[in-house]
């Protein structure tokens, strides 16, 4: 580990012991032969562990030699299980502005999104208004398609269904789509189109199924 990161290792441990169970603290090393996570606390939040490779966002910061920023706060990321996280990153640099590491704090805010959804339902707002393809601030800790596929597969497992997603009955597709909605998958950027392609239905069908949810 780079000498300068050793101080931040202790600081990351301090932060980890100070946060709640829905918040993860991660220290990435971005130099050396094996860049990746060197410390993580509450790793279940994103589904990662020590030794995991750099995230998409971290790799972009390594490659962007023109960015001299010290930190970035309150941007959206997506965990391996599809959970939406609120993330903040502090960039650790040497005197030549070489990026040595990134200290990140990720908080799972999916439960707050679900609460917001319930409040919208109580207010009588339609599902069409709730479902969103997200915005350009979202950054995936794994690929969006993998997040969706993993969630669909887990739903089918819970349903004891072994049929591929594109061969489900209309009723089964409706159940899957509603559970995906409850898990917040449709808050991910481009998710409506991706789910439609995986399940071989049209995007309007996705929206049409949602108001019928009784889940």
N, C-alpha and C. Protein backbone atom coordinates (compact mmCIF):
# COMPACT_ATOMS: atom_id res chain seq x y z
N UNK A 1 0.84 -1.20 0.00
CA UNK A 1 0.00 0.00 0.00
C UNK A 1 0.87 1.25 0.00
N UNK A 2 0.45 2.27 -0.76
CA UNK A 2 1.19 3.53 -0.80
C UNK A 2 1.25 4.12 0.61
N UNK A 3 2.41 4.70 0.94
CA UNK A 3 2.64 5.20 2.29
C UNK A 3 1.58 6.22 2.72
N UNK A 4 1.16 7.08 1.79
CA UNK A 4 0.21 8.14 2.13
C UNK A 4 -1.16 7.58 2.47
N UNK A 5 -1.47 6.39 1.97
CA UNK A 5 -2.79 5.81 2.21
C UNK A 5 -2.92 5.21 3.61
N UNK A 6 -1.79 4.97 4.26
CA UNK A 6 -1.84 4.34 5.58
C UNK A 6 -2.60 5.20 6.59
N UNK A 7 -2.43 6.52 6.50
CA UNK A 7 -3.18 7.41 7.38
C UNK A 7 -4.67 7.27 7.11
N UNK A 8 -5.04 7.23 5.82
CA UNK A 8 -6.45 7.15 5.45
C UNK A 8 -7.05 5.79 5.80
N UNK A 9 -6.22 4.77 5.90
CA UNK A 9 -6.71 3.47 6.33
C UNK A 9 -7.23 3.56 7.75
N UNK A 10 -6.48 4.22 8.62
CA UNK A 10 -6.93 4.42 10.00
C UNK A 10 -8.17 5.30 10.04
N UNK A 11 -8.20 6.32 9.19
CA UNK A 11 -9.34 7.23 9.17
C UNK A 11 -10.60 6.52 8.66
N UNK A 12 -10.42 5.65 7.67
CA UNK A 12 -11.56 4.88 7.13
C UNK A 12 -12.13 3.97 8.21
N UNK A 13 -11.24 3.37 9.01
CA UNK A 13 -11.70 2.50 10.09
C UNK A 13 -12.47 3.31 11.12
N UNK A 14 -12.00 4.50 11.42
CA UNK A 14 -12.70 5.39 12.35
C UNK A 14 -14.10 5.73 11.83
N UNK A 15 -14.17 6.10 10.54
CA UNK A 15 -15.46 6.43 9.95
C UNK A 15 -16.41 5.23 9.98
N UNK A 16 -15.86 4.05 9.64
CA UNK A 16 -16.67 2.85 9.61
C UNK A 16 -17.33 2.56 10.95
N UNK A 17 -16.62 2.81 12.03
CA UNK A 17 -17.15 2.55 13.36
C UNK A 17 -18.08 3.65 13.83
N UNK A 18 -18.22 4.70 13.01
CA UNK A 18 -19.05 5.84 13.38
C UNK A 18 -20.38 5.89 12.62
N UNK A 19 -20.52 5.08 11.57
CA UNK A 19 -21.70 5.17 10.72
C UNK A 19 -22.75 4.13 11.12
N UNK A 20 -23.96 4.25 10.56
CA UNK A 20 -25.02 3.29 10.86
C UNK A 20 -24.89 2.06 9.96
N UNK A 21 -25.76 1.08 10.17
CA UNK A 21 -25.66 -0.20 9.49
C UNK A 21 -25.99 -0.10 8.00
N UNK A 22 -26.61 0.98 7.57
CA UNK A 22 -26.95 1.15 6.15
C UNK A 22 -25.89 1.93 5.39
N UNK A 23 -24.78 2.22 6.03
CA UNK A 23 -23.73 3.03 5.41
C UNK A 23 -22.42 2.25 5.35
N UNK A 24 -21.78 2.34 4.21
CA UNK A 24 -20.54 1.63 3.93
C UNK A 24 -19.40 2.63 3.78
N UNK A 25 -18.24 2.27 4.28
CA UNK A 25 -17.02 3.08 4.10
C UNK A 25 -16.02 2.24 3.33
N UNK A 26 -15.47 2.81 2.26
CA UNK A 26 -14.58 2.07 1.38
C UNK A 26 -13.33 2.90 1.08
N UNK A 27 -12.18 2.26 1.14
CA UNK A 27 -10.94 2.90 0.71
C UNK A 27 -10.39 2.14 -0.48
N UNK A 28 -10.29 2.84 -1.62
CA UNK A 28 -9.71 2.27 -2.82
C UNK A 28 -8.27 2.73 -2.97
N UNK A 29 -7.38 1.82 -3.33
CA UNK A 29 -6.05 2.20 -3.78
C UNK A 29 -6.07 2.20 -5.30
N UNK A 30 -5.61 3.29 -5.91
CA UNK A 30 -5.72 3.44 -7.37
C UNK A 30 -4.38 3.34 -8.07
N UNK A 31 -3.32 3.05 -7.33
CA UNK A 31 -1.99 2.88 -7.93
C UNK A 31 -1.47 1.49 -7.58
N UNK A 32 -0.33 1.12 -8.17
CA UNK A 32 0.25 -0.19 -7.89
C UNK A 32 -0.21 -1.25 -8.86
N UNK A 33 0.20 -2.48 -8.59
CA UNK A 33 -0.08 -3.59 -9.51
C UNK A 33 -1.52 -4.10 -9.40
N UNK A 34 -2.14 -3.94 -8.22
CA UNK A 34 -3.49 -4.47 -8.01
C UNK A 34 -4.41 -3.41 -7.41
N UNK A 35 -4.76 -2.40 -8.19
CA UNK A 35 -5.66 -1.37 -7.66
C UNK A 35 -7.02 -1.97 -7.31
N UNK A 36 -7.60 -1.48 -6.24
CA UNK A 36 -8.90 -2.00 -5.81
C UNK A 36 -9.17 -1.63 -4.37
N UNK A 37 -10.11 -2.33 -3.75
CA UNK A 37 -10.51 -2.03 -2.38
C UNK A 37 -9.48 -2.60 -1.40
N UNK A 38 -8.97 -1.73 -0.52
CA UNK A 38 -8.02 -2.15 0.50
C UNK A 38 -8.65 -2.14 1.90
N UNK A 39 -9.80 -1.49 2.02
CA UNK A 39 -10.53 -1.51 3.29
C UNK A 39 -12.01 -1.29 2.98
N UNK A 40 -12.87 -2.02 3.68
CA UNK A 40 -14.31 -1.80 3.53
C UNK A 40 -15.00 -2.16 4.84
N UNK A 41 -15.94 -1.34 5.23
CA UNK A 41 -16.74 -1.56 6.44
C UNK A 41 -18.20 -1.60 6.03
N UNK A 42 -18.95 -2.57 6.52
CA UNK A 42 -20.33 -2.79 6.09
C UNK A 42 -20.40 -3.07 4.60
N UNK A 43 -19.53 -3.95 4.14
CA UNK A 43 -19.45 -4.26 2.72
C UNK A 43 -20.71 -4.85 2.14
N UNK A 44 -21.61 -5.35 2.99
CA UNK A 44 -22.87 -5.90 2.48
C UNK A 44 -23.73 -4.83 1.81
N UNK A 45 -23.47 -3.55 2.10
CA UNK A 45 -24.26 -2.47 1.49
C UNK A 45 -24.14 -2.49 -0.03
N UNK A 46 -22.92 -2.69 -0.53
CA UNK A 46 -22.71 -2.74 -1.98
C UNK A 46 -22.44 -4.15 -2.49
N UNK A 47 -22.25 -5.10 -1.57
CA UNK A 47 -21.96 -6.47 -1.97
C UNK A 47 -20.52 -6.70 -2.39
N UNK A 48 -19.60 -5.88 -1.88
CA UNK A 48 -18.18 -6.02 -2.24
C UNK A 48 -17.35 -6.36 -1.01
N UNK A 49 -16.07 -6.67 -1.25
CA UNK A 49 -15.16 -7.00 -0.17
C UNK A 49 -13.75 -6.54 -0.53
N UNK A 50 -12.84 -6.63 0.43
CA UNK A 50 -11.44 -6.27 0.18
C UNK A 50 -10.91 -7.10 -0.98
N UNK A 51 -10.21 -6.42 -1.90
CA UNK A 51 -9.67 -7.09 -3.08
C UNK A 51 -10.53 -6.89 -4.31
N UNK A 52 -11.76 -6.40 -4.13
CA UNK A 52 -12.63 -6.15 -5.29
C UNK A 52 -12.02 -5.06 -6.17
N UNK A 53 -12.21 -5.13 -7.48
CA UNK A 53 -11.61 -4.14 -8.38
C UNK A 53 -12.24 -2.76 -8.23
N UNK A 54 -11.60 -1.78 -8.85
CA UNK A 54 -12.14 -0.43 -8.83
C UNK A 54 -13.51 -0.38 -9.48
N UNK A 55 -14.38 0.45 -8.94
CA UNK A 55 -15.69 0.65 -9.55
C UNK A 55 -15.53 1.44 -10.85
N UNK A 56 -16.60 1.49 -11.62
CA UNK A 56 -16.60 2.25 -12.88
C UNK A 56 -16.22 3.71 -12.62
N UNK A 57 -16.80 4.29 -11.57
CA UNK A 57 -16.53 5.68 -11.25
C UNK A 57 -15.07 5.89 -10.86
N UNK A 58 -14.52 4.99 -10.03
CA UNK A 58 -13.12 5.12 -9.60
C UNK A 58 -12.18 5.02 -10.79
N UNK A 59 -12.46 4.09 -11.71
CA UNK A 59 -11.60 3.93 -12.88
C UNK A 59 -11.66 5.17 -13.76
N UNK A 60 -12.84 5.78 -13.87
CA UNK A 60 -12.96 7.01 -14.66
C UNK A 60 -12.12 8.13 -14.04
N UNK A 61 -12.10 8.22 -12.72
CA UNK A 61 -11.31 9.26 -12.06
C UNK A 61 -9.82 9.02 -12.26
N UNK A 62 -9.39 7.76 -12.27
CA UNK A 62 -7.98 7.44 -12.53
C UNK A 62 -7.59 7.87 -13.93
N UNK A 63 -8.48 7.63 -14.88
CA UNK A 63 -8.18 7.93 -16.29
C UNK A 63 -8.27 9.42 -16.61
N UNK A 64 -9.01 10.16 -15.82
CA UNK A 64 -9.22 11.59 -16.09
C UNK A 64 -8.10 12.41 -15.45
N UNK A 65 -7.05 12.62 -16.18
CA UNK A 65 -5.88 13.34 -15.66
C UNK A 65 -6.13 14.83 -15.49
N UNK A 66 -7.19 15.33 -16.11
CA UNK A 66 -7.46 16.77 -16.06
C UNK A 66 -8.30 17.16 -14.85
N UNK A 67 -8.88 16.20 -14.18
CA UNK A 67 -9.74 16.48 -13.03
C UNK A 67 -8.88 16.60 -11.77
N UNK A 68 -8.86 17.78 -11.18
CA UNK A 68 -8.06 18.03 -9.98
C UNK A 68 -8.94 18.20 -8.75
N UNK A 69 -10.20 17.79 -8.83
CA UNK A 69 -11.13 18.01 -7.72
C UNK A 69 -10.69 17.23 -6.48
N UNK A 70 -11.05 17.77 -5.31
CA UNK A 70 -10.71 17.15 -4.04
C UNK A 70 -11.76 16.15 -3.58
N UNK A 71 -13.01 16.38 -3.98
CA UNK A 71 -14.08 15.49 -3.56
C UNK A 71 -15.30 15.67 -4.45
N UNK A 72 -16.22 14.72 -4.33
CA UNK A 72 -17.53 14.79 -4.98
C UNK A 72 -18.53 14.21 -3.99
N UNK A 73 -19.64 14.94 -3.77
CA UNK A 73 -20.58 14.52 -2.73
C UNK A 73 -21.98 14.31 -3.28
N UNK A 74 -22.71 13.41 -2.61
CA UNK A 74 -24.14 13.19 -2.83
C UNK A 74 -24.51 12.91 -4.29
N UNK A 75 -23.86 11.90 -4.86
CA UNK A 75 -24.24 11.42 -6.18
C UNK A 75 -24.79 10.00 -6.03
N UNK A 76 -25.56 9.56 -7.02
CA UNK A 76 -26.23 8.26 -6.93
C UNK A 76 -25.36 7.16 -7.51
N UNK A 77 -25.30 6.03 -6.81
CA UNK A 77 -24.66 4.83 -7.33
C UNK A 77 -25.63 3.66 -7.16
N UNK A 78 -25.32 2.55 -7.79
CA UNK A 78 -26.19 1.38 -7.75
C UNK A 78 -25.39 0.18 -7.28
N UNK A 79 -25.85 -0.47 -6.22
CA UNK A 79 -25.16 -1.63 -5.66
C UNK A 79 -25.43 -2.88 -6.49
N UNK A 80 -24.71 -3.95 -6.17
CA UNK A 80 -24.84 -5.20 -6.93
C UNK A 80 -26.25 -5.78 -6.90
N UNK A 81 -27.01 -5.53 -5.82
CA UNK A 81 -28.36 -6.07 -5.72
C UNK A 81 -29.42 -5.11 -6.22
N UNK A 82 -28.99 -3.99 -6.84
CA UNK A 82 -29.93 -3.02 -7.38
C UNK A 82 -30.29 -1.90 -6.43
N UNK A 83 -29.80 -1.94 -5.20
CA UNK A 83 -30.10 -0.88 -4.24
C UNK A 83 -29.51 0.45 -4.69
N UNK A 84 -30.26 1.52 -4.43
CA UNK A 84 -29.77 2.85 -4.76
C UNK A 84 -29.00 3.40 -3.56
N UNK A 85 -27.79 3.88 -3.83
CA UNK A 85 -26.94 4.41 -2.77
C UNK A 85 -26.69 5.90 -2.99
N UNK A 86 -26.58 6.64 -1.90
CA UNK A 86 -26.10 8.02 -1.96
C UNK A 86 -24.63 7.99 -1.60
N UNK A 87 -23.78 8.47 -2.51
CA UNK A 87 -22.34 8.30 -2.36
C UNK A 87 -21.61 9.63 -2.32
N UNK A 88 -20.51 9.63 -1.59
CA UNK A 88 -19.58 10.77 -1.56
C UNK A 88 -18.16 10.22 -1.59
N UNK A 89 -17.28 10.90 -2.32
CA UNK A 89 -15.91 10.42 -2.48
C UNK A 89 -14.91 11.53 -2.22
N UNK A 90 -13.83 11.19 -1.51
CA UNK A 90 -12.71 12.11 -1.28
C UNK A 90 -11.50 11.56 -2.02
N UNK A 91 -10.88 12.39 -2.86
CA UNK A 91 -9.78 11.95 -3.71
C UNK A 91 -8.44 12.25 -3.05
N UNK A 92 -7.65 11.22 -2.89
CA UNK A 92 -6.35 11.33 -2.22
C UNK A 92 -5.26 11.43 -3.29
N UNK A 93 -4.55 12.54 -3.32
CA UNK A 93 -3.57 12.81 -4.38
C UNK A 93 -2.20 13.11 -3.79
N UNK A 94 -1.16 12.91 -4.61
CA UNK A 94 0.18 13.31 -4.19
C UNK A 94 0.45 14.73 -4.67
N UNK A 95 1.65 15.22 -4.47
CA UNK A 95 1.98 16.59 -4.81
C UNK A 95 1.92 16.85 -6.31
N UNK A 96 2.01 15.82 -7.12
CA UNK A 96 1.94 15.96 -8.57
C UNK A 96 0.53 15.73 -9.10
N UNK A 97 -0.45 15.66 -8.20
CA UNK A 97 -1.86 15.46 -8.54
C UNK A 97 -2.17 14.05 -9.04
N UNK A 98 -1.25 13.11 -8.83
CA UNK A 98 -1.54 11.72 -9.16
C UNK A 98 -2.54 11.17 -8.16
N UNK A 99 -3.59 10.52 -8.65
CA UNK A 99 -4.62 9.98 -7.78
C UNK A 99 -4.10 8.69 -7.13
N UNK A 100 -3.94 8.70 -5.82
CA UNK A 100 -3.41 7.55 -5.09
C UNK A 100 -4.52 6.66 -4.55
N UNK A 101 -5.63 7.27 -4.18
CA UNK A 101 -6.72 6.50 -3.61
C UNK A 101 -7.99 7.31 -3.54
N UNK A 102 -9.09 6.64 -3.23
CA UNK A 102 -10.39 7.29 -3.09
C UNK A 102 -11.07 6.74 -1.85
N UNK A 103 -11.47 7.63 -0.96
CA UNK A 103 -12.21 7.26 0.23
C UNK A 103 -13.69 7.55 -0.02
N UNK A 104 -14.52 6.52 0.05
CA UNK A 104 -15.94 6.65 -0.31
C UNK A 104 -16.85 6.29 0.86
N UNK A 105 -17.96 7.01 0.94
CA UNK A 105 -19.02 6.72 1.90
C UNK A 105 -20.30 6.49 1.10
N UNK A 106 -20.88 5.30 1.22
CA UNK A 106 -22.08 4.93 0.47
C UNK A 106 -23.21 4.58 1.43
N UNK A 107 -24.33 5.28 1.31
CA UNK A 107 -25.48 5.02 2.17
C UNK A 107 -26.64 4.47 1.34
N UNK A 108 -27.22 3.36 1.79
CA UNK A 108 -28.35 2.75 1.11
C UNK A 108 -29.60 3.57 1.40
N UNK A 109 -30.16 4.19 0.35
CA UNK A 109 -31.34 5.04 0.52
C UNK A 109 -32.58 4.40 -0.11
N UNK A 110 -32.50 3.12 -0.47
CA UNK A 110 -33.63 2.45 -1.12
C UNK A 110 -34.88 2.49 -0.28
N UNK A 111 -34.73 2.32 1.05
CA UNK A 111 -35.91 2.31 1.91
C UNK A 111 -36.60 3.66 1.91
N UNK A 112 -35.82 4.74 1.75
CA UNK A 112 -36.43 6.07 1.70
C UNK A 112 -37.16 6.28 0.38
N UNK A 113 -36.61 5.71 -0.70
CA UNK A 113 -37.29 5.78 -1.99
C UNK A 113 -38.61 5.01 -1.93
N UNK A 114 -38.60 3.85 -1.26
CA UNK A 114 -39.82 3.07 -1.13
C UNK A 114 -40.85 3.83 -0.29
N UNK A 115 -40.40 4.49 0.77
CA UNK A 115 -41.31 5.28 1.60
C UNK A 115 -41.90 6.43 0.79
N UNK A 116 -41.06 7.06 -0.03
CA UNK A 116 -41.54 8.13 -0.90
C UNK A 116 -42.61 7.62 -1.85
N UNK A 117 -42.39 6.41 -2.38
CA UNK A 117 -43.36 5.79 -3.28
C UNK A 117 -44.69 5.57 -2.57
N UNK A 118 -44.64 5.09 -1.34
CA UNK A 118 -45.86 4.83 -0.59
C UNK A 118 -46.62 6.12 -0.32
N UNK A 119 -45.89 7.19 -0.05
CA UNK A 119 -46.52 8.48 0.19
C UNK A 119 -47.18 9.00 -1.09
N UNK A 120 -46.54 8.75 -2.24
CA UNK A 120 -47.13 9.15 -3.51
C UNK A 120 -48.42 8.37 -3.79
N UNK A 121 -48.42 7.09 -3.42
CA UNK A 121 -49.62 6.29 -3.60
C UNK A 121 -50.75 6.83 -2.73
N UNK A 122 -50.42 7.20 -1.48
CA UNK A 122 -51.43 7.75 -0.59
C UNK A 122 -51.97 9.08 -1.11
N UNK A 123 -51.10 9.80 -1.83
CA UNK A 123 -51.51 11.08 -2.41
C UNK A 123 -52.31 10.91 -3.69
N UNK A 124 -52.42 9.66 -4.16
CA UNK A 124 -53.21 9.40 -5.36
C UNK A 124 -52.49 9.65 -6.66
N UNK A 125 -51.16 9.68 -6.64
CA UNK A 125 -50.40 9.88 -7.87
C UNK A 125 -50.27 8.57 -8.61
N UNK A 126 -50.21 8.62 -9.93
CA UNK A 126 -50.20 7.40 -10.73
C UNK A 126 -48.82 6.77 -10.76
N UNK A 127 -48.79 5.48 -11.10
CA UNK A 127 -47.52 4.77 -11.25
C UNK A 127 -46.73 5.34 -12.41
N UNK A 128 -47.40 5.82 -13.45
CA UNK A 128 -46.70 6.37 -14.61
C UNK A 128 -45.81 7.52 -14.20
N UNK A 129 -46.24 8.28 -13.19
CA UNK A 129 -45.44 9.40 -12.73
C UNK A 129 -44.27 8.93 -11.89
N UNK A 130 -44.43 7.79 -11.25
CA UNK A 130 -43.40 7.31 -10.34
C UNK A 130 -42.24 6.65 -11.06
N UNK A 131 -42.55 5.86 -12.10
CA UNK A 131 -41.51 5.11 -12.77
C UNK A 131 -40.62 6.06 -13.55
N UNK A 132 -39.32 5.89 -13.39
CA UNK A 132 -38.38 6.81 -14.03
C UNK A 132 -37.19 6.03 -14.54
N UNK A 133 -36.60 6.53 -15.62
CA UNK A 133 -35.37 5.93 -16.12
C UNK A 133 -34.15 6.52 -15.44
N UNK A 134 -34.36 7.32 -14.42
CA UNK A 134 -33.22 7.87 -13.70
C UNK A 134 -32.60 9.05 -14.41
N UNK A 135 -31.38 9.42 -13.98
CA UNK A 135 -30.70 10.55 -14.60
C UNK A 135 -29.24 10.21 -14.76
N UNK A 136 -28.51 11.18 -15.30
CA UNK A 136 -27.11 10.93 -15.65
C UNK A 136 -26.18 10.90 -14.44
N UNK A 137 -26.72 11.11 -13.23
CA UNK A 137 -25.84 11.11 -12.06
C UNK A 137 -25.62 9.70 -11.53
N UNK A 138 -26.37 8.71 -12.05
CA UNK A 138 -26.23 7.37 -11.52
C UNK A 138 -24.98 6.68 -12.07
N UNK A 139 -24.29 5.99 -11.19
CA UNK A 139 -23.06 5.28 -11.53
C UNK A 139 -23.21 3.86 -11.01
N UNK A 140 -22.96 2.88 -11.86
CA UNK A 140 -23.18 1.50 -11.49
C UNK A 140 -21.92 0.87 -10.90
N UNK A 141 -22.07 0.19 -9.75
CA UNK A 141 -20.97 -0.55 -9.16
C UNK A 141 -20.81 -1.90 -9.84
N UNK A 142 -21.80 -2.27 -10.61
CA UNK A 142 -21.73 -3.40 -11.54
C UNK A 142 -22.58 -2.97 -12.72
N UNK A 143 -22.66 -3.76 -13.80
CA UNK A 143 -23.43 -3.31 -14.96
C UNK A 143 -24.92 -3.30 -14.66
N UNK A 144 -25.63 -2.33 -15.25
CA UNK A 144 -27.07 -2.21 -15.02
C UNK A 144 -27.79 -3.48 -15.46
N UNK A 145 -27.36 -4.04 -16.59
CA UNK A 145 -28.01 -5.26 -17.09
C UNK A 145 -27.84 -6.40 -16.10
N UNK A 146 -26.64 -6.54 -15.52
CA UNK A 146 -26.41 -7.60 -14.54
C UNK A 146 -27.28 -7.41 -13.31
N UNK A 147 -27.43 -6.15 -12.87
CA UNK A 147 -28.29 -5.86 -11.72
C UNK A 147 -29.71 -6.34 -11.99
N UNK A 148 -30.23 -6.01 -13.18
CA UNK A 148 -31.60 -6.38 -13.53
C UNK A 148 -31.74 -7.89 -13.65
N UNK A 149 -30.79 -8.54 -14.34
CA UNK A 149 -30.86 -9.99 -14.53
C UNK A 149 -30.81 -10.72 -13.20
N UNK A 150 -29.93 -10.27 -12.29
CA UNK A 150 -29.81 -10.91 -10.99
C UNK A 150 -31.12 -10.78 -10.21
N UNK A 151 -31.75 -9.61 -10.29
CA UNK A 151 -33.01 -9.41 -9.58
C UNK A 151 -34.13 -10.25 -10.18
N UNK A 152 -34.20 -10.32 -11.50
CA UNK A 152 -35.23 -11.14 -12.14
C UNK A 152 -35.05 -12.60 -11.76
N UNK A 153 -33.80 -13.07 -11.77
CA UNK A 153 -33.55 -14.46 -11.43
C UNK A 153 -33.92 -14.77 -9.99
N UNK A 154 -33.63 -13.84 -9.08
CA UNK A 154 -33.97 -14.08 -7.67
C UNK A 154 -35.48 -14.10 -7.48
N UNK A 155 -36.21 -13.26 -8.24
CA UNK A 155 -37.67 -13.25 -8.17
C UNK A 155 -38.23 -14.57 -8.67
N UNK A 156 -37.70 -15.05 -9.80
CA UNK A 156 -38.17 -16.32 -10.36
C UNK A 156 -37.87 -17.49 -9.42
N UNK A 157 -36.74 -17.41 -8.74
CA UNK A 157 -36.40 -18.45 -7.76
C UNK A 157 -37.41 -18.45 -6.63
N UNK A 158 -37.76 -17.25 -6.15
CA UNK A 158 -38.76 -17.13 -5.09
C UNK A 158 -40.12 -17.66 -5.55
N UNK A 159 -40.40 -17.53 -6.85
CA UNK A 159 -41.67 -17.98 -7.41
C UNK A 159 -41.64 -19.47 -7.77
N UNK A 160 -40.46 -20.10 -7.63
CA UNK A 160 -40.28 -21.51 -8.03
C UNK A 160 -40.58 -21.70 -9.52
N UNK A 161 -40.12 -20.74 -10.31
CA UNK A 161 -40.33 -20.78 -11.75
C UNK A 161 -38.97 -20.95 -12.43
N UNK A 162 -38.84 -21.95 -13.30
CA UNK A 162 -37.59 -22.22 -13.99
C UNK A 162 -37.59 -21.76 -15.44
N UNK A 163 -38.67 -21.12 -15.87
CA UNK A 163 -38.81 -20.66 -17.25
C UNK A 163 -37.96 -19.41 -17.49
N UNK A 164 -37.31 -19.29 -18.65
CA UNK A 164 -36.57 -18.07 -18.97
C UNK A 164 -37.49 -16.85 -18.96
N UNK A 165 -36.98 -15.66 -18.64
CA UNK A 165 -37.82 -14.46 -18.54
C UNK A 165 -38.66 -14.17 -19.79
N UNK A 166 -38.11 -14.48 -20.97
CA UNK A 166 -38.84 -14.17 -22.20
C UNK A 166 -39.94 -15.16 -22.53
N UNK A 167 -40.06 -16.23 -21.72
CA UNK A 167 -41.07 -17.25 -21.99
C UNK A 167 -42.09 -17.36 -20.86
N UNK A 168 -42.10 -16.38 -19.98
CA UNK A 168 -43.07 -16.37 -18.89
C UNK A 168 -44.46 -16.06 -19.43
N UNK A 169 -45.46 -16.49 -18.68
CA UNK A 169 -46.83 -16.11 -19.03
C UNK A 169 -47.03 -14.63 -18.72
N UNK A 170 -48.10 -14.07 -19.24
CA UNK A 170 -48.40 -12.65 -18.99
C UNK A 170 -48.56 -12.40 -17.49
N UNK A 171 -49.21 -13.32 -16.80
CA UNK A 171 -49.41 -13.15 -15.36
C UNK A 171 -48.09 -13.19 -14.60
N UNK A 172 -47.20 -14.10 -15.00
CA UNK A 172 -45.90 -14.20 -14.35
C UNK A 172 -45.06 -12.95 -14.62
N UNK A 173 -45.13 -12.45 -15.85
CA UNK A 173 -44.40 -11.22 -16.17
C UNK A 173 -44.90 -10.05 -15.34
N UNK A 174 -46.19 -10.00 -15.14
CA UNK A 174 -46.76 -8.91 -14.34
C UNK A 174 -46.25 -8.97 -12.90
N UNK A 175 -46.17 -10.18 -12.34
CA UNK A 175 -45.66 -10.32 -10.98
C UNK A 175 -44.20 -9.87 -10.90
N UNK A 176 -43.39 -10.33 -11.85
CA UNK A 176 -41.97 -9.97 -11.86
C UNK A 176 -41.80 -8.46 -11.97
N UNK A 177 -42.54 -7.84 -12.86
CA UNK A 177 -42.42 -6.40 -13.07
C UNK A 177 -42.81 -5.63 -11.80
N UNK A 178 -43.85 -6.09 -11.14
CA UNK A 178 -44.28 -5.41 -9.91
C UNK A 178 -43.25 -5.56 -8.80
N UNK A 179 -42.64 -6.73 -8.68
CA UNK A 179 -41.62 -6.92 -7.65
C UNK A 179 -40.39 -6.07 -7.98
N UNK A 180 -40.01 -6.01 -9.25
CA UNK A 180 -38.90 -5.14 -9.67
C UNK A 180 -39.19 -3.70 -9.28
N UNK A 181 -40.44 -3.30 -9.48
CA UNK A 181 -40.84 -1.93 -9.13
C UNK A 181 -40.69 -1.69 -7.63
N UNK A 182 -41.13 -2.66 -6.81
CA UNK A 182 -41.02 -2.51 -5.37
C UNK A 182 -39.57 -2.47 -4.91
N UNK A 183 -38.68 -3.15 -5.64
CA UNK A 183 -37.26 -3.15 -5.28
C UNK A 183 -36.55 -1.89 -5.74
N UNK A 184 -37.24 -1.02 -6.45
CA UNK A 184 -36.64 0.22 -6.91
C UNK A 184 -35.85 0.11 -8.20
N UNK A 185 -35.98 -1.01 -8.92
CA UNK A 185 -35.20 -1.22 -10.14
C UNK A 185 -35.53 -0.17 -11.20
N UNK A 186 -36.78 0.28 -11.22
CA UNK A 186 -37.17 1.25 -12.25
C UNK A 186 -36.70 2.66 -11.94
N UNK A 187 -35.97 2.83 -10.83
CA UNK A 187 -35.29 4.10 -10.58
C UNK A 187 -33.93 4.14 -11.28
N UNK A 188 -33.48 3.01 -11.80
CA UNK A 188 -32.19 2.95 -12.47
C UNK A 188 -32.30 3.51 -13.88
N UNK A 189 -31.28 4.17 -14.30
CA UNK A 189 -31.25 4.77 -15.63
C UNK A 189 -31.40 3.70 -16.72
N UNK A 190 -32.37 3.90 -17.62
CA UNK A 190 -32.55 3.00 -18.75
C UNK A 190 -33.18 1.68 -18.41
N UNK A 191 -33.69 1.53 -17.17
CA UNK A 191 -34.17 0.23 -16.72
C UNK A 191 -35.42 -0.24 -17.44
N UNK A 192 -36.32 0.67 -17.79
CA UNK A 192 -37.56 0.26 -18.44
C UNK A 192 -37.26 -0.45 -19.76
N UNK A 193 -36.38 0.14 -20.56
CA UNK A 193 -36.01 -0.45 -21.85
C UNK A 193 -35.29 -1.79 -21.65
N UNK A 194 -34.42 -1.87 -20.65
CA UNK A 194 -33.65 -3.10 -20.41
C UNK A 194 -34.56 -4.23 -19.95
N UNK A 195 -35.48 -3.93 -19.04
CA UNK A 195 -36.41 -4.96 -18.58
C UNK A 195 -37.31 -5.42 -19.73
N UNK A 196 -37.78 -4.47 -20.54
CA UNK A 196 -38.64 -4.80 -21.68
C UNK A 196 -37.91 -5.74 -22.63
N UNK A 197 -36.63 -5.48 -22.89
CA UNK A 197 -35.86 -6.32 -23.81
C UNK A 197 -35.64 -7.72 -23.23
N UNK A 198 -35.31 -7.80 -21.95
CA UNK A 198 -35.05 -9.09 -21.32
C UNK A 198 -36.32 -9.96 -21.30
N UNK A 199 -37.47 -9.31 -21.06
CA UNK A 199 -38.72 -10.06 -20.91
C UNK A 199 -39.53 -10.14 -22.20
N UNK A 200 -38.98 -9.53 -23.27
CA UNK A 200 -39.65 -9.56 -24.57
C UNK A 200 -41.06 -8.98 -24.51
N UNK A 201 -41.17 -7.82 -23.89
CA UNK A 201 -42.42 -7.07 -23.88
C UNK A 201 -42.11 -5.64 -24.32
N UNK A 202 -43.13 -4.90 -24.66
CA UNK A 202 -42.93 -3.51 -25.05
C UNK A 202 -42.81 -2.63 -23.81
N UNK A 203 -42.21 -1.46 -23.98
CA UNK A 203 -42.11 -0.54 -22.85
C UNK A 203 -43.49 -0.10 -22.35
N UNK A 204 -44.47 0.17 -23.25
CA UNK A 204 -45.81 0.49 -22.75
C UNK A 204 -46.41 -0.61 -21.89
N UNK A 205 -46.05 -1.88 -22.19
CA UNK A 205 -46.55 -2.99 -21.38
C UNK A 205 -46.04 -2.89 -19.95
N UNK A 206 -44.78 -2.48 -19.80
CA UNK A 206 -44.21 -2.31 -18.45
C UNK A 206 -45.09 -1.35 -17.65
N UNK A 207 -45.39 -0.19 -18.25
CA UNK A 207 -46.19 0.82 -17.56
C UNK A 207 -47.63 0.33 -17.33
N UNK A 208 -48.15 -0.43 -18.27
CA UNK A 208 -49.52 -0.91 -18.16
C UNK A 208 -49.68 -1.92 -17.02
N UNK A 209 -48.65 -2.73 -16.81
CA UNK A 209 -48.71 -3.73 -15.75
C UNK A 209 -48.68 -3.09 -14.35
N UNK A 210 -47.93 -2.02 -14.19
CA UNK A 210 -47.69 -1.47 -12.87
C UNK A 210 -48.94 -1.05 -12.11
N UNK A 211 -49.93 -0.36 -12.71
CA UNK A 211 -51.10 0.05 -11.93
C UNK A 211 -51.93 -1.11 -11.38
N UNK A 212 -51.70 -2.32 -11.91
CA UNK A 212 -52.46 -3.46 -11.44
C UNK A 212 -51.85 -4.12 -10.22
N UNK A 213 -50.72 -3.55 -9.76
CA UNK A 213 -50.01 -4.19 -8.64
C UNK A 213 -50.84 -4.25 -7.38
N UNK A 214 -50.87 -5.44 -6.79
CA UNK A 214 -51.46 -5.61 -5.48
C UNK A 214 -50.42 -6.08 -4.47
N UNK A 215 -49.11 -5.97 -4.89
CA UNK A 215 -48.05 -6.50 -4.05
C UNK A 215 -47.62 -5.45 -3.02
